[in-house]
Amino acid sequence: MNWLTKSLALALLPCLTIVLPAADVFAQEKQQVSFKTSAENTKYTQQHMIDVGDFPGHQVRIYEIQRTFPNNAPMINGVALKEQWTRAISDYTDNNGPGTTYGIYVLENGDKFFTRSSLVAQSSGPGKLTASTVGYIIGGTGKLEGIKGIVRTVNRADPKAGVNEGQTEIEYTLPK
């Protein structure tokens, strides 16, 4: 080994001792949870529809949905999910169109995490729709502070009848 190689090796050694422990931060374990949301434990708490007026069937809507998990609650970081709130905006023509949803997931210990998702709805019959969402976890409280991840849902709904049920998949990581 010549003097230049030795000098470079000695110069890089302190950098490696700093970089290697930082690699643990990036080695967070991804966790996944998947669960169904039943119509029985889901309710529209608020819903306001306004006809746009440009053509029949075009409505903008804001709404709020509360979901509860009284039995076999999904577990997030080892704690049961107590309730989920969705507040959303939609722009549908005959139950087809885009929307934006904002979610609050509340665990039994009071910790929360927050999501923002894009929604696409398709009519599945008179008054009915199927909506798919995908979005990101944008923050958390308590032991969920620093949570990152993605949320995907597929829901079947009849907004006028107040019926909504579906499937949710969450992938997340927490800082160590």
C-alpha atoms as a PDB file:
ATOM      1  CA  MET A   1       0.000   0.000   0.000  1.00  0.00           C
ATOM      2  CA  ASN A   2       1.504   3.321  -0.989  1.00  0.00           C
ATOM      3  CA  TRP A   3       1.298   6.486   1.121  1.00  0.00           C
ATOM      4  CA  LEU A   4      -1.600   7.907  -0.984  1.00  0.00           C
ATOM      5  CA  THR A   5      -3.747   4.804  -0.521  1.00  0.00           C
ATOM      6  CA  LYS A   6      -3.007   4.756   3.231  1.00  0.00           C
ATOM      7  CA  SER A   7      -3.828   8.451   3.517  1.00  0.00           C
ATOM      8  CA  LEU A   8      -7.163   8.009   1.705  1.00  0.00           C
ATOM      9  CA  ALA A   9      -8.046   4.985   3.833  1.00  0.00           C
ATOM     10  CA  LEU A  10      -7.292   6.880   7.042  1.00  0.00           C
ATOM     11  CA  ALA A  11      -9.211   9.931   5.809  1.00  0.00           C
ATOM     12  CA  LEU A  12     -12.295   7.861   4.913  1.00  0.00           C
ATOM     13  CA  LEU A  13     -12.345   5.806   8.143  1.00  0.00           C
ATOM     14  CA  PRO A  14     -14.089   8.537  10.224  1.00  0.00           C
ATOM     15  CA  CYS A  15     -16.663   8.968   7.427  1.00  0.00           C
ATOM     16  CA  LEU A  16     -17.500   5.270   7.481  1.00  0.00           C
ATOM     17  CA  THR A  17     -18.054   5.295  11.225  1.00  0.00           C
ATOM     18  CA  ILE A  18     -20.563   8.104  10.734  1.00  0.00           C
ATOM     19  CA  VAL A  19     -22.307   6.601   7.681  1.00  0.00           C
ATOM     20  CA  LEU A  20     -22.684   3.028   8.918  1.00  0.00           C
ATOM     21  CA  PRO A  21     -24.784   3.786  12.019  1.00  0.00           C
ATOM     22  CA  ALA A  22     -26.975   6.085   9.905  1.00  0.00           C
ATOM     23  CA  ALA A  23     -27.803   3.087   7.700  1.00  0.00           C
ATOM     24  CA  ASP A  24     -29.938   1.709  10.561  1.00  0.00           C
ATOM     25  CA  VAL A  25     -32.311   4.645  10.089  1.00  0.00           C
ATOM     26  CA  PHE A  26     -32.972   3.523   6.528  1.00  0.00           C
ATOM     27  CA  ALA A  27     -33.439  -0.125   7.537  1.00  0.00           C
ATOM     28  CA  GLN A  28     -36.872   0.465   9.050  1.00  0.00           C
ATOM     29  CA  GLU A  29     -39.114  -2.553   8.906  1.00  0.00           C
ATOM     30  CA  LYS A  30     -42.163  -2.087   6.688  1.00  0.00           C
ATOM     31  CA  GLN A  31     -45.365  -3.178   8.389  1.00  0.00           C
ATOM     32  CA  GLN A  32     -48.624  -4.023   6.662  1.00  0.00           C
ATOM     33  CA  VAL A  33     -52.223  -4.237   7.769  1.00  0.00           C
ATOM     34  CA  SER A  34     -55.286  -5.071   5.702  1.00  0.00           C
ATOM     35  CA  PHE A  35     -58.878  -4.927   6.913  1.00  0.00           C
ATOM     36  CA  LYS A  36     -62.498  -4.735   5.827  1.00  0.00           C
ATOM     37  CA  THR A  37     -64.824  -1.933   6.829  1.00  0.00           C
ATOM     38  CA  SER A  38     -68.433  -2.996   7.187  1.00  0.00           C
ATOM     39  CA  ALA A  39     -71.487  -0.921   6.362  1.00  0.00           C
ATOM     40  CA  GLU A  40     -72.818  -1.680   9.880  1.00  0.00           C
ATOM     41  CA  ASN A  41     -69.902   0.137  11.520  1.00  0.00           C
ATOM     42  CA  THR A  42     -69.691   2.978   8.983  1.00  0.00           C
ATOM     43  CA  LYS A  43     -71.866   6.071   8.901  1.00  0.00           C
ATOM     44  CA  TYR A  44     -72.019   9.299   6.962  1.00  0.00           C
ATOM     45  CA  THR A  45     -72.052  11.931   9.729  1.00  0.00           C
ATOM     46  CA  GLN A  46     -72.327  14.869   7.300  1.00  0.00           C
ATOM     47  CA  GLN A  47     -72.984  15.082   3.588  1.00  0.00           C
ATOM     48  CA  HIS A  48     -73.739  18.098   1.419  1.00  0.00           C
ATOM     49  CA  MET A  49     -74.396  17.810  -2.310  1.00  0.00           C
ATOM     50  CA  ILE A  50     -74.745  20.750  -4.665  1.00  0.00           C
ATOM     51  CA  ASP A  51     -75.904  20.486  -8.268  1.00  0.00           C
ATOM     52  CA  VAL A  52     -73.365  22.262 -10.470  1.00  0.00           C
ATOM     53  CA  GLY A  53     -75.991  23.166 -13.066  1.00  0.00           C
ATOM     54  CA  ASP A  54     -73.939  22.727 -16.229  1.00  0.00           C
ATOM     55  CA  PHE A  55     -75.597  19.387 -17.099  1.00  0.00           C
ATOM     56  CA  PRO A  56     -77.830  16.858 -15.331  1.00  0.00           C
ATOM     57  CA  GLY A  57     -76.180  14.609 -12.735  1.00  0.00           C
ATOM     58  CA  HIS A  58     -73.103  16.813 -12.104  1.00  0.00           C
ATOM     59  CA  GLN A  59     -72.667  17.411  -8.351  1.00  0.00           C
ATOM     60  CA  VAL A  60     -69.957  18.575  -6.028  1.00  0.00           C
ATOM     61  CA  ARG A  61     -70.099  17.106  -2.562  1.00  0.00           C
ATOM     62  CA  ILE A  62     -68.383  17.371   0.782  1.00  0.00           C
ATOM     63  CA  TYR A  63     -68.860  14.610   3.280  1.00  0.00           C
ATOM     64  CA  GLU A  64     -67.640  13.036   6.484  1.00  0.00           C
ATOM     65  CA  ILE A  65     -67.585   9.336   7.310  1.00  0.00           C
ATOM     66  CA  GLN A  66     -66.930   7.719  10.686  1.00  0.00           C
ATOM     67  CA  ARG A  67     -65.883   4.072  10.917  1.00  0.00           C
ATOM     68  CA  THR A  68     -65.644   2.185  14.189  1.00  0.00           C
ATOM     69  CA  PHE A  69     -64.015  -1.154  14.940  1.00  0.00           C
ATOM     70  CA  PRO A  70     -65.901  -2.804  17.828  1.00  0.00           C
ATOM     71  CA  ASN A  71     -64.773  -6.364  16.971  1.00  0.00           C
ATOM     72  CA  ASN A  72     -61.443  -7.713  15.729  1.00  0.00           C
ATOM     73  CA  ALA A  73     -59.962  -4.240  15.330  1.00  0.00           C
ATOM     74  CA  PRO A  74     -56.946  -3.932  13.042  1.00  0.00           C
ATOM     75  CA  MET A  75     -53.632  -3.429  14.856  1.00  0.00           C
ATOM     76  CA  ILE A  76     -51.314  -0.535  14.040  1.00  0.00           C
ATOM     77  CA  ASN A  77     -47.887  -0.831  15.688  1.00  0.00           C
ATOM     78  CA  GLY A  78     -49.398  -3.281  18.200  1.00  0.00           C
ATOM     79  CA  VAL A  79     -52.325  -1.023  19.204  1.00  0.00           C
ATOM     80  CA  ALA A  80     -55.961  -1.540  18.151  1.00  0.00           C
ATOM     81  CA  LEU A  81     -57.555   0.909  15.736  1.00  0.00           C
ATOM     82  CA  LYS A  82     -60.535   2.516  17.499  1.00  0.00           C
ATOM     83  CA  GLU A  83     -62.017   4.686  14.760  1.00  0.00           C
ATOM     84  CA  GLN A  84     -61.342   6.227  11.394  1.00  0.00           C
ATOM     85  CA  TRP A  85     -62.624   9.557  10.138  1.00  0.00           C
ATOM     86  CA  THR A  86     -62.746  10.499   6.464  1.00  0.00           C
ATOM     87  CA  ARG A  87     -63.452  14.031   5.302  1.00  0.00           C
ATOM     88  CA  ALA A  88     -63.684  14.381   1.555  1.00  0.00           C
ATOM     89  CA  ILE A  89     -64.559  16.396  -1.515  1.00  0.00           C
ATOM     90  CA  SER A  90     -65.952  14.851  -4.693  1.00  0.00           C
ATOM     91  CA  ASP A  91     -66.824  16.104  -8.179  1.00  0.00           C
ATOM     92  CA  TYR A  92     -69.091  13.447  -9.680  1.00  0.00           C
ATOM     93  CA  THR A  93     -71.286  13.183 -12.725  1.00  0.00           C
ATOM     94  CA  ASP A  94     -73.738  10.333 -12.178  1.00  0.00           C
ATOM     95  CA  ASN A  95     -71.360   8.886  -9.516  1.00  0.00           C
ATOM     96  CA  ASN A  96     -68.307   8.978 -11.797  1.00  0.00           C
ATOM     97  CA  GLY A  97     -65.369  11.261 -11.141  1.00  0.00           C
ATOM     98  CA  PRO A  98     -62.494  12.401  -8.930  1.00  0.00           C
ATOM     99  CA  GLY A  99     -62.214  13.316  -5.292  1.00  0.00           C
ATOM    100  CA  THR A 100     -59.785  14.046  -2.475  1.00  0.00           C
ATOM    101  CA  THR A 101     -59.966  12.416   0.949  1.00  0.00           C
ATOM    102  CA  TYR A 102     -58.380  13.317   4.267  1.00  0.00           C
ATOM    103  CA  GLY A 103     -58.228  10.578   6.890  1.00  0.00           C
ATOM    104  CA  ILE A 104     -57.668  10.485  10.632  1.00  0.00           C
ATOM    105  CA  TYR A 105     -56.979   7.076  12.147  1.00  0.00           C
ATOM    106  CA  VAL A 106     -57.412   7.022  15.947  1.00  0.00           C
ATOM    107  CA  LEU A 107     -55.894   4.208  18.013  1.00  0.00           C
ATOM    108  CA  GLU A 108     -57.185   3.018  21.397  1.00  0.00           C
ATOM    109  CA  ASN A 109     -54.306   4.759  23.205  1.00  0.00           C
ATOM    110  CA  GLY A 110     -55.213   8.111  21.584  1.00  0.00           C
ATOM    111  CA  ASP A 111     -52.344   8.145  19.074  1.00  0.00           C
ATOM    112  CA  LYS A 112     -53.375   9.232  15.574  1.00  0.00           C
ATOM    113  CA  PHE A 113     -52.065   9.280  12.050  1.00  0.00           C
ATOM    114  CA  PHE A 114     -53.243  11.330   9.118  1.00  0.00           C
ATOM    115  CA  THR A 115     -53.657  10.591   5.410  1.00  0.00           C
ATOM    116  CA  ARG A 116     -54.342  12.457   2.189  1.00  0.00           C
ATOM    117  CA  SER A 117     -55.544  10.460  -0.808  1.00  0.00           C
ATOM    118  CA  SER A 118     -56.807  10.833  -4.353  1.00  0.00           C
ATOM    119  CA  LEU A 119     -60.051   9.090  -5.227  1.00  0.00           C
ATOM    120  CA  VAL A 120     -61.596   7.896  -8.479  1.00  0.00           C
ATOM    121  CA  ALA A 121     -65.239   6.794  -8.455  1.00  0.00           C
ATOM    122  CA  GLN A 122     -67.119   4.752 -11.026  1.00  0.00           C
ATOM    123  CA  SER A 123     -70.846   4.200 -11.142  1.00  0.00           C
ATOM    124  CA  SER A 124     -71.822   0.618 -10.362  1.00  0.00           C
ATOM    125  CA  GLY A 125     -75.556   1.021 -10.921  1.00  0.00           C
ATOM    126  CA  PRO A 126     -78.241   3.610 -10.164  1.00  0.00           C
ATOM    127  CA  GLY A 127     -77.122   5.595  -7.092  1.00  0.00           C
ATOM    128  CA  LYS A 128     -74.187   3.263  -6.417  1.00  0.00           C
ATOM    129  CA  LEU A 129     -70.459   3.638  -6.932  1.00  0.00           C
ATOM    130  CA  THR A 130     -67.137   1.939  -6.435  1.00  0.00           C
ATOM    131  CA  ALA A 131     -64.342   4.264  -5.308  1.00  0.00           C
ATOM    132  CA  SER A 132     -60.634   3.491  -5.267  1.00  0.00           C
ATOM    133  CA  THR A 133     -58.182   5.651  -3.355  1.00  0.00           C
ATOM    134  CA  VAL A 134     -54.446   5.781  -2.979  1.00  0.00           C
ATOM    135  CA  GLY A 135     -52.588   8.195  -0.771  1.00  0.00           C
ATOM    136  CA  TYR A 136     -49.894   8.838   1.759  1.00  0.00           C
ATOM    137  CA  ILE A 137     -49.613   8.948   5.514  1.00  0.00           C
ATOM    138  CA  ILE A 138     -48.700  12.574   6.143  1.00  0.00           C
ATOM    139  CA  GLY A 139     -48.052  12.592   9.905  1.00  0.00           C
ATOM    140  CA  GLY A 140     -48.782  11.107  13.288  1.00  0.00           C
ATOM    141  CA  THR A 141     -48.938  11.788  17.024  1.00  0.00           C
ATOM    142  CA  GLY A 142     -47.538  10.037  20.103  1.00  0.00           C
ATOM    143  CA  LYS A 143     -45.728   6.811  19.265  1.00  0.00           C
ATOM    144  CA  LEU A 144     -46.793   7.290  15.627  1.00  0.00           C
ATOM    145  CA  GLU A 145     -44.810  10.501  15.253  1.00  0.00           C
ATOM    146  CA  GLY A 146     -42.659  10.178  12.142  1.00  0.00           C
ATOM    147  CA  ILE A 147     -44.835   7.437  10.589  1.00  0.00           C
ATOM    148  CA  LYS A 148     -44.568   7.198   6.797  1.00  0.00           C
ATOM    149  CA  GLY A 149     -46.489   5.023   4.407  1.00  0.00           C
ATOM    150  CA  ILE A 150     -49.163   4.477   1.830  1.00  0.00           C
ATOM    151  CA  VAL A 151     -52.881   3.721   2.110  1.00  0.00           C
ATOM    152  CA  ARG A 152     -55.041   2.050  -0.535  1.00  0.00           C
ATOM    153  CA  THR A 153     -58.801   1.521  -0.350  1.00  0.00           C
ATOM    154  CA  VAL A 154     -61.606   0.153  -2.467  1.00  0.00           C
ATOM    155  CA  ASN A 155     -65.090   1.075  -1.263  1.00  0.00           C
ATOM    156  CA  ARG A 156     -68.599   0.354  -2.454  1.00  0.00           C
ATOM    157  CA  ALA A 157     -71.108   3.052  -1.634  1.00  0.00           C
ATOM    158  CA  ASP A 158     -74.608   4.362  -2.093  1.00  0.00           C
ATOM    159  CA  PRO A 159     -74.179   7.943  -0.825  1.00  0.00           C
ATOM    160  CA  LYS A 160     -77.878   8.827  -0.859  1.00  0.00           C
ATOM    161  CA  ALA A 161     -78.717   5.720   1.181  1.00  0.00           C
ATOM    162  CA  GLY A 162     -75.749   6.377   3.516  1.00  0.00           C
ATOM    163  CA  VAL A 163     -74.121   3.014   2.785  1.00  0.00           C
ATOM    164  CA  ASN A 164     -70.350   2.617   2.559  1.00  0.00           C
ATOM    165  CA  GLU A 165     -68.138  -0.470   2.995  1.00  0.00           C
ATOM    166  CA  GLY A 166     -64.825  -1.644   1.685  1.00  0.00           C
ATOM    167  CA  GLN A 167     -61.274  -2.869   2.006  1.00  0.00           C
ATOM    168  CA  THR A 168     -58.237  -0.929   3.303  1.00  0.00           C
ATOM    169  CA  GLU A 169     -54.541  -1.764   2.961  1.00  0.00           C
ATOM    170  CA  ILE A 170     -51.888   0.192   4.851  1.00  0.00           C
ATOM    171  CA  GLU A 171     -48.113  -0.152   4.503  1.00  0.00           C
ATOM    172  CA  TYR A 172     -46.077   1.893   6.966  1.00  0.00           C
ATOM    173  CA  THR A 173     -42.745   2.381   8.648  1.00  0.00           C
ATOM    174  CA  LEU A 174     -41.898   4.043  11.941  1.00  0.00           C
ATOM    175  CA  PRO A 175     -38.589   5.580  12.964  1.00  0.00           C
ATOM    176  CA  LYS A 176     -36.560   3.412  15.326  1.00  0.00           C
END
